[in-house]
Amino acid sequence: MTASFVVVPQWQGSGSSRAMRLSDGANAIRGDLPSKATRVVEVPVEAGESQDTGIHRFACLTAIRAATLAVLRESPEPVITVGGDCGVEFPAIEHALESFGSDTAVVWFDAHADLNTPESSPSGAFHGMVLRALLGDGAPGLVLREGLSAGSIVLAGVRATDDAESDFITTAGIRRILPADVGGAALVEAVRATGASRTYIHVDLDVLDPAEVSGVGYPEPFGVSVAALVESIKALRAEFPLAGAGITEYAPSSTDAASDDLGTILRVVGALTAPTAAVAGTA
């Protein structure tokens, strides 16, 4: 595919004590992207008010959503959105559904399900609610009322869920591929079972095992290897056209440390953007 990137150095959706490092992470990745194919969404410095929504920094998040959508709508082709926190995926997936229709499966590579509501969230951080908001449960201004259904979601590599999220996954019948099965045929079969003709691929870097990447705010043990993640992305792209993708939650401990993980991150970028013929030949 012709790669087009939108960088959104948003940190306001994170509940981490190192949240502002997400801006550094997004900009570190941006430094290795082709400048002519990359646009940047300006993110305010301030935190913003919750406005009694149960979502920390809600006011800023809604403003960033609007600004991100405006930039995304300038692109007719699928876009790779680079965060920032997982909250950047709200406008990114909203735009993908708007552009390519609800016949799109969302493959959620993440250590966490991000399926809390403002009422169930233990933190009030939007990055733990974003997928649920895309399903229509959330606060006005950060909720998608139409377009995404639970049957269109495949959780891949998720291994840390709150009780309310686990209950919802079971009740809603959301498909789930355990870390040990990522990289095999199970993931492609799960997407086929959704009936979708396209995929949106979300990659929170904490889906990877902590031995594979150091610059994440919420590492979880027993994660996915880089090789398995890249293999899975290639297999998905060989089977389904891409409606878009996102890479999120890179929070290096320092500017110098940012270079430690960039080789790994660029392997993921490469899998998402390689020409389809090349992907099919390596799958």
C-alpha atoms as a PDB file:
ATOM      1  CA  MET A   1       0.000   0.000   0.000  1.00  0.00           C
ATOM      2  CA  THR A   2       1.011   3.626  -0.387  1.00  0.00           C
ATOM      3  CA  ALA A   3       1.960   4.526   3.167  1.00  0.00           C
ATOM      4  CA  SER A   4       0.414   7.640   4.668  1.00  0.00           C
ATOM      5  CA  PHE A   5       1.080   8.508   8.304  1.00  0.00           C
ATOM      6  CA  VAL A   6      -0.641  10.750  10.833  1.00  0.00           C
ATOM      7  CA  VAL A   7       1.257  11.336  14.068  1.00  0.00           C
ATOM      8  CA  VAL A   8      -0.808  12.275  17.119  1.00  0.00           C
ATOM      9  CA  PRO A   9       1.476  12.836  20.138  1.00  0.00           C
ATOM     10  CA  GLN A  10      -1.449  12.679  22.547  1.00  0.00           C
ATOM     11  CA  TRP A  11      -0.746  11.808  26.190  1.00  0.00           C
ATOM     12  CA  GLN A  12      -3.996  13.006  27.791  1.00  0.00           C
ATOM     13  CA  GLY A  13      -5.730   9.637  27.443  1.00  0.00           C
ATOM     14  CA  SER A  14      -3.134   7.814  29.530  1.00  0.00           C
ATOM     15  CA  GLY A  15      -3.296   7.076  33.236  1.00  0.00           C
ATOM     16  CA  SER A  16       0.432   6.433  33.515  1.00  0.00           C
ATOM     17  CA  SER A  17       2.722   8.541  35.686  1.00  0.00           C
ATOM     18  CA  ARG A  18       4.961   8.741  32.605  1.00  0.00           C
ATOM     19  CA  ALA A  19       2.111   9.766  30.296  1.00  0.00           C
ATOM     20  CA  MET A  20       3.865  12.801  28.844  1.00  0.00           C
ATOM     21  CA  ARG A  21       6.628  10.513  27.573  1.00  0.00           C
ATOM     22  CA  LEU A  22       4.101   9.261  25.037  1.00  0.00           C
ATOM     23  CA  SER A  23       4.592  12.518  23.156  1.00  0.00           C
ATOM     24  CA  ASP A  24       8.333  11.833  23.057  1.00  0.00           C
ATOM     25  CA  GLY A  25       7.644   8.308  21.815  1.00  0.00           C
ATOM     26  CA  ALA A  26       5.355   9.458  19.009  1.00  0.00           C
ATOM     27  CA  ASN A  27       7.890  12.047  17.901  1.00  0.00           C
ATOM     28  CA  ALA A  28      10.732   9.511  18.051  1.00  0.00           C
ATOM     29  CA  ILE A  29       8.817   7.242  15.667  1.00  0.00           C
ATOM     30  CA  ARG A  30       7.976  10.236  13.492  1.00  0.00           C
ATOM     31  CA  GLY A  31      11.701  10.868  13.007  1.00  0.00           C
ATOM     32  CA  ASP A  32      11.989   7.595  11.067  1.00  0.00           C
ATOM     33  CA  LEU A  33       8.900   8.082   8.892  1.00  0.00           C
ATOM     34  CA  PRO A  34       9.003   9.602   5.396  1.00  0.00           C
ATOM     35  CA  SER A  35       8.440  13.316   5.928  1.00  0.00           C
ATOM     36  CA  LYS A  36       6.485  13.852   2.701  1.00  0.00           C
ATOM     37  CA  ALA A  37       3.980  11.150   3.670  1.00  0.00           C
ATOM     38  CA  THR A  38       3.601  12.224   7.305  1.00  0.00           C
ATOM     39  CA  ARG A  39       1.287  14.779   8.858  1.00  0.00           C
ATOM     40  CA  VAL A  40       1.221  15.803  12.503  1.00  0.00           C
ATOM     41  CA  VAL A  41      -1.764  16.725  14.652  1.00  0.00           C
ATOM     42  CA  GLU A  42      -0.989  19.530  17.067  1.00  0.00           C
ATOM     43  CA  VAL A  43      -1.749  18.415  20.622  1.00  0.00           C
ATOM     44  CA  PRO A  44      -2.334  20.980  23.385  1.00  0.00           C
ATOM     45  CA  VAL A  45       0.061  21.045  26.308  1.00  0.00           C
ATOM     46  CA  GLU A  46      -2.636  21.383  28.958  1.00  0.00           C
ATOM     47  CA  ALA A  47      -4.460  18.455  30.542  1.00  0.00           C
ATOM     48  CA  GLY A  48      -8.077  19.607  30.208  1.00  0.00           C
ATOM     49  CA  GLU A  49     -11.079  19.112  32.489  1.00  0.00           C
ATOM     50  CA  SER A  50     -13.129  15.936  32.987  1.00  0.00           C
ATOM     51  CA  GLN A  51     -16.407  17.903  32.765  1.00  0.00           C
ATOM     52  CA  ASP A  52     -18.120  15.380  35.063  1.00  0.00           C
ATOM     53  CA  THR A  53     -17.840  12.610  32.447  1.00  0.00           C
ATOM     54  CA  GLY A  54     -15.725  10.191  34.481  1.00  0.00           C
ATOM     55  CA  ILE A  55     -12.986  10.575  31.824  1.00  0.00           C
ATOM     56  CA  HIS A  56      -9.855  12.417  32.888  1.00  0.00           C
ATOM     57  CA  ARG A  57      -8.844  15.291  30.576  1.00  0.00           C
ATOM     58  CA  PHE A  58     -12.064  14.878  28.580  1.00  0.00           C
ATOM     59  CA  ALA A  59     -12.047  18.434  27.201  1.00  0.00           C
ATOM     60  CA  CYS A  60      -8.635  18.019  25.585  1.00  0.00           C
ATOM     61  CA  LEU A  61      -9.461  14.566  24.266  1.00  0.00           C
ATOM     62  CA  THR A  62     -12.545  15.794  22.409  1.00  0.00           C
ATOM     63  CA  ALA A  63     -10.568  18.667  20.888  1.00  0.00           C
ATOM     64  CA  ILE A  64      -7.813  16.284  19.745  1.00  0.00           C
ATOM     65  CA  ARG A  65     -10.426  13.930  18.301  1.00  0.00           C
ATOM     66  CA  ALA A  66     -11.818  16.737  16.146  1.00  0.00           C
ATOM     67  CA  ALA A  67      -8.364  17.868  15.029  1.00  0.00           C
ATOM     68  CA  THR A  68      -7.313  14.304  14.187  1.00  0.00           C
ATOM     69  CA  LEU A  69     -10.454  13.633  12.166  1.00  0.00           C
ATOM     70  CA  ALA A  70      -9.870  16.823  10.186  1.00  0.00           C
ATOM     71  CA  VAL A  71      -6.368  15.658   9.224  1.00  0.00           C
ATOM     72  CA  LEU A  72      -7.406  12.069   8.513  1.00  0.00           C
ATOM     73  CA  ARG A  73     -10.208  13.193   6.221  1.00  0.00           C
ATOM     74  CA  GLU A  74      -7.638  14.787   3.931  1.00  0.00           C
ATOM     75  CA  SER A  75      -6.404  11.319   2.979  1.00  0.00           C
ATOM     76  CA  PRO A  76      -8.380   9.085   0.589  1.00  0.00           C
ATOM     77  CA  GLU A  77      -6.177   6.050   1.264  1.00  0.00           C
ATOM     78  CA  PRO A  78      -5.745   3.994   4.452  1.00  0.00           C
ATOM     79  CA  VAL A  79      -3.684   5.775   7.090  1.00  0.00           C
ATOM     80  CA  ILE A  80      -1.217   4.551   9.710  1.00  0.00           C
ATOM     81  CA  THR A  81      -1.924   6.562  12.868  1.00  0.00           C
ATOM     82  CA  VAL A  82       0.979   6.871  15.298  1.00  0.00           C
ATOM     83  CA  GLY A  83       0.268   7.728  18.924  1.00  0.00           C
ATOM     84  CA  GLY A  84       0.515   8.766  21.700  1.00  0.00           C
ATOM     85  CA  ASP A  85      -1.834   6.791  23.853  1.00  0.00           C
ATOM     86  CA  CYS A  86      -4.465   4.325  22.628  1.00  0.00           C
ATOM     87  CA  GLY A  87      -7.087   7.067  22.681  1.00  0.00           C
ATOM     88  CA  VAL A  88      -5.827   8.212  19.258  1.00  0.00           C
ATOM     89  CA  GLU A  89      -7.467   5.089  17.863  1.00  0.00           C
ATOM     90  CA  PHE A  90     -10.925   6.506  18.523  1.00  0.00           C
ATOM     91  CA  PRO A  91     -10.839   9.048  15.665  1.00  0.00           C
ATOM     92  CA  ALA A  92      -8.601   6.762  13.581  1.00  0.00           C
ATOM     93  CA  ILE A  93     -11.063   3.868  13.613  1.00  0.00           C
ATOM     94  CA  GLU A  94     -13.987   6.266  13.346  1.00  0.00           C
ATOM     95  CA  HIS A  95     -12.419   7.575  10.129  1.00  0.00           C
ATOM     96  CA  ALA A  96     -11.674   4.075   8.808  1.00  0.00           C
ATOM     97  CA  LEU A  97     -15.302   3.035   9.279  1.00  0.00           C
ATOM     98  CA  GLU A  98     -16.465   6.294   7.719  1.00  0.00           C
ATOM     99  CA  SER A  99     -14.203   5.752   4.695  1.00  0.00           C
ATOM    100  CA  PHE A 100     -14.471   2.008   4.142  1.00  0.00           C
ATOM    101  CA  GLY A 101     -17.734   1.032   5.816  1.00  0.00           C
ATOM    102  CA  SER A 102     -18.755  -1.112   8.762  1.00  0.00           C
ATOM    103  CA  ASP A 103     -17.605  -4.215   6.867  1.00  0.00           C
ATOM    104  CA  THR A 104     -14.278  -3.813   8.667  1.00  0.00           C
ATOM    105  CA  ALA A 105     -12.847  -6.054  11.372  1.00  0.00           C
ATOM    106  CA  VAL A 106     -10.775  -4.427  14.109  1.00  0.00           C
ATOM    107  CA  VAL A 107      -7.840  -6.583  15.201  1.00  0.00           C
ATOM    108  CA  TRP A 108      -6.763  -5.319  18.628  1.00  0.00           C
ATOM    109  CA  PHE A 109      -3.136  -6.301  19.324  1.00  0.00           C
ATOM    110  CA  ASP A 110      -2.796  -5.196  22.937  1.00  0.00           C
ATOM    111  CA  ALA A 111      -1.943  -6.542  26.380  1.00  0.00           C
ATOM    112  CA  HIS A 112      -5.159  -4.895  27.595  1.00  0.00           C
ATOM    113  CA  ALA A 113      -8.717  -5.043  26.289  1.00  0.00           C
ATOM    114  CA  ASP A 114      -9.476  -1.304  26.701  1.00  0.00           C
ATOM    115  CA  LEU A 115     -13.143  -2.219  27.195  1.00  0.00           C
ATOM    116  CA  ASN A 116     -13.999  -0.287  30.342  1.00  0.00           C
ATOM    117  CA  THR A 117     -16.701   2.378  30.534  1.00  0.00           C
ATOM    118  CA  PRO A 118     -16.432   5.602  32.556  1.00  0.00           C
ATOM    119  CA  GLU A 119     -18.439   3.805  35.243  1.00  0.00           C
ATOM    120  CA  SER A 120     -16.322   0.637  35.373  1.00  0.00           C
ATOM    121  CA  SER A 121     -12.878   2.149  34.817  1.00  0.00           C
ATOM    122  CA  PRO A 122     -10.631   1.982  37.895  1.00  0.00           C
ATOM    123  CA  SER A 123      -8.464   4.830  36.571  1.00  0.00           C
ATOM    124  CA  GLY A 124     -10.677   7.224  34.594  1.00  0.00           C
ATOM    125  CA  ALA A 125      -8.094   7.088  31.782  1.00  0.00           C
ATOM    126  CA  PHE A 126      -9.602   7.045  28.298  1.00  0.00           C
ATOM    127  CA  HIS A 127      -6.969   4.726  26.840  1.00  0.00           C
ATOM    128  CA  GLY A 128      -8.597   1.955  28.882  1.00  0.00           C
ATOM    129  CA  MET A 129     -12.057   2.776  27.474  1.00  0.00           C
ATOM    130  CA  VAL A 130     -11.404   3.454  23.800  1.00  0.00           C
ATOM    131  CA  LEU A 131     -12.562   0.143  22.335  1.00  0.00           C
ATOM    132  CA  ARG A 132     -15.736   0.182  24.418  1.00  0.00           C
ATOM    133  CA  ALA A 133     -16.420   3.762  23.284  1.00  0.00           C
ATOM    134  CA  LEU A 134     -16.131   2.595  19.679  1.00  0.00           C
ATOM    135  CA  LEU A 135     -18.829   0.027  20.502  1.00  0.00           C
ATOM    136  CA  GLY A 136     -21.175   2.801  21.623  1.00  0.00           C
ATOM    137  CA  ASP A 137     -20.724   2.823  25.407  1.00  0.00           C
ATOM    138  CA  GLY A 138     -19.244   6.029  26.766  1.00  0.00           C
ATOM    139  CA  ALA A 139     -19.626   9.744  27.310  1.00  0.00           C
ATOM    140  CA  PRO A 140     -21.177  12.020  24.664  1.00  0.00           C
ATOM    141  CA  GLY A 141     -18.349  13.500  22.625  1.00  0.00           C
ATOM    142  CA  LEU A 142     -16.209  10.375  22.943  1.00  0.00           C
ATOM    143  CA  VAL A 143     -18.547   7.617  21.850  1.00  0.00           C
ATOM    144  CA  LEU A 144     -19.348   6.103  18.461  1.00  0.00           C
ATOM    145  CA  ARG A 145     -23.058   5.405  18.130  1.00  0.00           C
ATOM    146  CA  GLU A 146     -22.924   3.504  14.846  1.00  0.00           C
ATOM    147  CA  GLY A 147     -20.416   1.528  12.842  1.00  0.00           C
ATOM    148  CA  LEU A 148     -18.607  -0.992  15.042  1.00  0.00           C
ATOM    149  CA  SER A 149     -20.101  -4.155  16.505  1.00  0.00           C
ATOM    150  CA  ALA A 150     -18.694  -6.627  19.029  1.00  0.00           C
ATOM    151  CA  GLY A 151     -18.755  -9.295  16.316  1.00  0.00           C
ATOM    152  CA  SER A 152     -16.268  -7.241  14.279  1.00  0.00           C
ATOM    153  CA  ILE A 153     -13.565  -7.261  16.965  1.00  0.00           C
ATOM    154  CA  VAL A 154     -10.756  -9.746  17.468  1.00  0.00           C
ATOM    155  CA  LEU A 155      -8.644  -9.320  20.600  1.00  0.00           C
ATOM    156  CA  ALA A 156      -5.097 -10.564  19.968  1.00  0.00           C
ATOM    157  CA  GLY A 157      -2.520 -11.002  22.709  1.00  0.00           C
ATOM    158  CA  VAL A 158      -4.766  -9.552  25.424  1.00  0.00           C
ATOM    159  CA  ARG A 159      -3.756 -10.986  28.796  1.00  0.00           C
ATOM    160  CA  ALA A 160      -4.636  -8.375  31.440  1.00  0.00           C
ATOM    161  CA  THR A 161      -8.320  -7.518  31.914  1.00  0.00           C
ATOM    162  CA  ASP A 162     -10.415  -6.053  34.706  1.00  0.00           C
ATOM    163  CA  ASP A 163     -13.358  -8.114  35.941  1.00  0.00           C
ATOM    164  CA  ALA A 164     -15.880  -5.860  34.176  1.00  0.00           C
ATOM    165  CA  GLU A 165     -13.975  -6.225  30.911  1.00  0.00           C
ATOM    166  CA  SER A 166     -13.793 -10.017  31.211  1.00  0.00           C
ATOM    167  CA  ASP A 167     -17.533 -10.170  31.832  1.00  0.00           C
ATOM    168  CA  PHE A 168     -18.209  -7.966  28.820  1.00  0.00           C
ATOM    169  CA  ILE A 169     -15.959 -10.034  26.525  1.00  0.00           C
ATOM    170  CA  THR A 170     -17.904 -13.136  27.481  1.00  0.00           C
ATOM    171  CA  THR A 171     -21.349 -11.537  27.307  1.00  0.00           C
ATOM    172  CA  ALA A 172     -20.702  -9.768  24.002  1.00  0.00           C
ATOM    173  CA  GLY A 173     -19.068 -12.839  22.442  1.00  0.00           C
ATOM    174  CA  ILE A 174     -15.906 -11.013  21.402  1.00  0.00           C
ATOM    175  CA  ARG A 175     -13.345 -13.261  19.723  1.00  0.00           C
ATOM    176  CA  ARG A 176     -10.038 -13.576  21.552  1.00  0.00           C
ATOM    177  CA  ILE A 177      -6.699 -15.022  20.449  1.00  0.00           C
ATOM    178  CA  LEU A 178      -4.296 -15.751  23.303  1.00  0.00           C
ATOM    179  CA  PRO A 179      -0.656 -14.654  23.044  1.00  0.00           C
ATOM    180  CA  ALA A 180       0.555 -18.189  22.386  1.00  0.00           C
ATOM    181  CA  ASP A 181      -1.708 -18.410  19.322  1.00  0.00           C
ATOM    182  CA  VAL A 182      -0.763 -15.061  17.779  1.00  0.00           C
ATOM    183  CA  GLY A 183       1.264 -15.701  14.649  1.00  0.00           C
ATOM    184  CA  GLY A 184      -0.608 -18.835  13.653  1.00  0.00           C
ATOM    185  CA  ALA A 185      -3.633 -19.487  11.461  1.00  0.00           C
ATOM    186  CA  ALA A 186      -6.041 -18.917  14.360  1.00  0.00           C
ATOM    187  CA  LEU A 187      -5.970 -15.148  13.933  1.00  0.00           C
ATOM    188  CA  VAL A 188      -6.787 -15.179  10.230  1.00  0.00           C
ATOM    189  CA  GLU A 189      -9.566 -17.685  10.870  1.00  0.00           C
ATOM    190  CA  ALA A 190     -10.996 -15.456  13.606  1.00  0.00           C
ATOM    191  CA  VAL A 191     -11.116 -12.492  11.240  1.00  0.00           C
ATOM    192  CA  ARG A 192     -12.708 -14.623   8.509  1.00  0.00           C
ATOM    193  CA  ALA A 193     -15.386 -15.588  11.048  1.00  0.00           C
ATOM    194  CA  THR A 194     -16.353 -11.922  11.467  1.00  0.00           C
ATOM    195  CA  GLY A 195     -17.440 -11.847   7.811  1.00  0.00           C
ATOM    196  CA  ALA A 196     -15.462  -8.645   7.272  1.00  0.00           C
ATOM    197  CA  SER A 197     -13.788  -7.824   3.978  1.00  0.00           C
ATOM    198  CA  ARG A 198     -11.199  -5.398   5.432  1.00  0.00           C
ATOM    199  CA  THR A 199      -9.187  -5.037   8.626  1.00  0.00           C
ATOM    200  CA  TYR A 200      -8.070  -2.214  10.847  1.00  0.00           C
ATOM    201  CA  ILE A 201      -4.965  -3.310  12.756  1.00  0.00           C
ATOM    202  CA  HIS A 202      -4.322  -1.719  16.149  1.00  0.00           C
ATOM    203  CA  VAL A 203      -0.904  -2.308  17.744  1.00  0.00           C
ATOM    204  CA  ASP A 204      -0.352  -1.214  21.316  1.00  0.00           C
ATOM    205  CA  LEU A 205       3.328  -1.991  21.792  1.00  0.00           C
ATOM    206  CA  ASP A 206       2.637  -3.543  25.183  1.00  0.00           C
ATOM    207  CA  VAL A 207       1.212  -6.534  23.306  1.00  0.00           C
ATOM    208  CA  LEU A 208       4.864  -7.502  22.974  1.00  0.00           C
ATOM    209  CA  ASP A 209       6.639  -9.402  25.699  1.00  0.00           C
ATOM    210  CA  PRO A 210       8.621  -7.015  27.956  1.00  0.00           C
ATOM    211  CA  ALA A 211      11.817  -8.728  26.800  1.00  0.00           C
ATOM    212  CA  GLU A 212      11.088  -7.423  23.287  1.00  0.00           C
ATOM    213  CA  VAL A 213      10.363  -3.750  24.052  1.00  0.00           C
ATOM    214  CA  SER A 214      11.268  -1.617  27.052  1.00  0.00           C
ATOM    215  CA  GLY A 215       9.550   1.712  26.418  1.00  0.00           C
ATOM    216  CA  VAL A 216       5.972   0.981  27.455  1.00  0.00           C
ATOM    217  CA  GLY A 217       4.072   2.260  30.466  1.00  0.00           C
ATOM    218  CA  TYR A 218       2.141  -0.899  31.296  1.00  0.00           C
ATOM    219  CA  PRO A 219       4.277  -3.960  30.498  1.00  0.00           C
ATOM    220  CA  GLU A 220       2.664  -7.350  31.024  1.00  0.00           C
ATOM    221  CA  PRO A 221       4.568 -10.657  31.158  1.00  0.00           C
ATOM    222  CA  PHE A 222       4.099 -13.555  28.748  1.00  0.00           C
ATOM    223  CA  GLY A 223       3.488 -11.389  25.726  1.00  0.00           C
ATOM    224  CA  VAL A 224       3.885 -11.816  21.982  1.00  0.00           C
ATOM    225  CA  SER A 225       7.246 -11.959  20.230  1.00  0.00           C
ATOM    226  CA  VAL A 226       8.126  -9.423  17.535  1.00  0.00           C
ATOM    227  CA  ALA A 227       8.417 -12.256  15.033  1.00  0.00           C
ATOM    228  CA  ALA A 228       4.919 -13.528  15.838  1.00  0.00           C
ATOM    229  CA  LEU A 229       3.429 -10.040  15.638  1.00  0.00           C
ATOM    230  CA  VAL A 230       5.051  -9.315  12.269  1.00  0.00           C
ATOM    231  CA  GLU A 231       4.030 -12.734  10.945  1.00  0.00           C
ATOM    232  CA  SER A 232       0.431 -12.111  12.020  1.00  0.00           C
ATOM    233  CA  ILE A 233       0.275  -8.689  10.388  1.00  0.00           C
ATOM    234  CA  LYS A 234       1.673 -10.116   7.143  1.00  0.00           C
ATOM    235  CA  ALA A 235      -0.850 -12.964   7.208  1.00  0.00           C
ATOM    236  CA  LEU A 236      -3.736 -10.579   7.788  1.00  0.00           C
ATOM    237  CA  ARG A 237      -2.628  -8.233   5.025  1.00  0.00           C
ATOM    238  CA  ALA A 238      -2.218 -11.122   2.583  1.00  0.00           C
ATOM    239  CA  GLU A 239      -5.857 -12.048   3.200  1.00  0.00           C
ATOM    240  CA  PHE A 240      -7.632  -8.723   3.819  1.00  0.00           C
ATOM    241  CA  PRO A 241      -7.185  -5.196   2.445  1.00  0.00           C
ATOM    242  CA  LEU A 242      -6.199  -2.704   5.119  1.00  0.00           C
ATOM    243  CA  ALA A 243      -8.684  -0.038   6.202  1.00  0.00           C
ATOM    244  CA  GLY A 244      -6.041   1.571   8.403  1.00  0.00           C
ATOM    245  CA  ALA A 245      -3.751   0.836  11.310  1.00  0.00           C
ATOM    246  CA  GLY A 246      -2.414   2.347  14.496  1.00  0.00           C
ATOM    247  CA  ILE A 247       0.764   2.066  16.562  1.00  0.00           C
ATOM    248  CA  THR A 248       0.473   3.375  20.106  1.00  0.00           C
ATOM    249  CA  GLU A 249       1.826   3.624  23.658  1.00  0.00           C
ATOM    250  CA  TYR A 250       5.533   4.088  23.043  1.00  0.00           C
ATOM    251  CA  ALA A 251       6.862   5.889  26.133  1.00  0.00           C
ATOM    252  CA  PRO A 252      10.676   5.757  26.207  1.00  0.00           C
ATOM    253  CA  SER A 253      12.293   6.557  29.538  1.00  0.00           C
ATOM    254  CA  SER A 254      14.474   9.219  27.938  1.00  0.00           C
ATOM    255  CA  THR A 255      15.306  10.725  24.575  1.00  0.00           C
ATOM    256  CA  ASP A 256      18.484   8.651  24.452  1.00  0.00           C
ATOM    257  CA  ALA A 257      16.553   5.465  25.295  1.00  0.00           C
ATOM    258  CA  ALA A 258      14.129   6.041  22.418  1.00  0.00           C
ATOM    259  CA  SER A 259      16.597   4.542  19.960  1.00  0.00           C
ATOM    260  CA  ASP A 260      16.631   1.232  21.857  1.00  0.00           C
ATOM    261  CA  ASP A 261      13.225   0.121  20.612  1.00  0.00           C
ATOM    262  CA  LEU A 262      13.012   1.832  17.235  1.00  0.00           C
ATOM    263  CA  GLY A 263      14.339  -1.163  15.328  1.00  0.00           C
ATOM    264  CA  THR A 264      11.509  -3.276  16.724  1.00  0.00           C
ATOM    265  CA  ILE A 265       8.908  -0.590  16.023  1.00  0.00           C
ATOM    266  CA  LEU A 266      10.116  -0.132  12.448  1.00  0.00           C
ATOM    267  CA  ARG A 267       9.691  -3.868  11.834  1.00  0.00           C
ATOM    268  CA  VAL A 268       6.025  -3.402  12.751  1.00  0.00           C
ATOM    269  CA  VAL A 269       5.760  -0.334  10.514  1.00  0.00           C
ATOM    270  CA  GLY A 270       7.315  -2.320   7.676  1.00  0.00           C
ATOM    271  CA  ALA A 271       4.830  -5.168   8.056  1.00  0.00           C
ATOM    272  CA  LEU A 272       1.956  -2.688   7.929  1.00  0.00           C
ATOM    273  CA  THR A 273       3.189  -0.838   4.873  1.00  0.00           C
ATOM    274  CA  ALA A 274       4.940  -3.404   2.656  1.00  0.00           C
ATOM    275  CA  PRO A 275       3.406  -3.796  -0.826  1.00  0.00           C
ATOM    276  CA  THR A 276       0.639  -6.370  -0.726  1.00  0.00           C
ATOM    277  CA  ALA A 277       2.364  -8.612  -3.283  1.00  0.00           C
ATOM    278  CA  ALA A 278       5.462  -8.719  -1.114  1.00  0.00           C
ATOM    279  CA  VAL A 279       3.369  -9.466   1.954  1.00  0.00           C
ATOM    280  CA  ALA A 280       1.567 -12.292   0.189  1.00  0.00           C
ATOM    281  CA  GLY A 281       4.879 -13.725  -0.940  1.00  0.00           C
ATOM    282  CA  THR A 282       6.202 -13.876   2.625  1.00  0.00           C
ATOM    283  CA  ALA A 283       3.073 -14.991   4.443  1.00  0.00           C
END
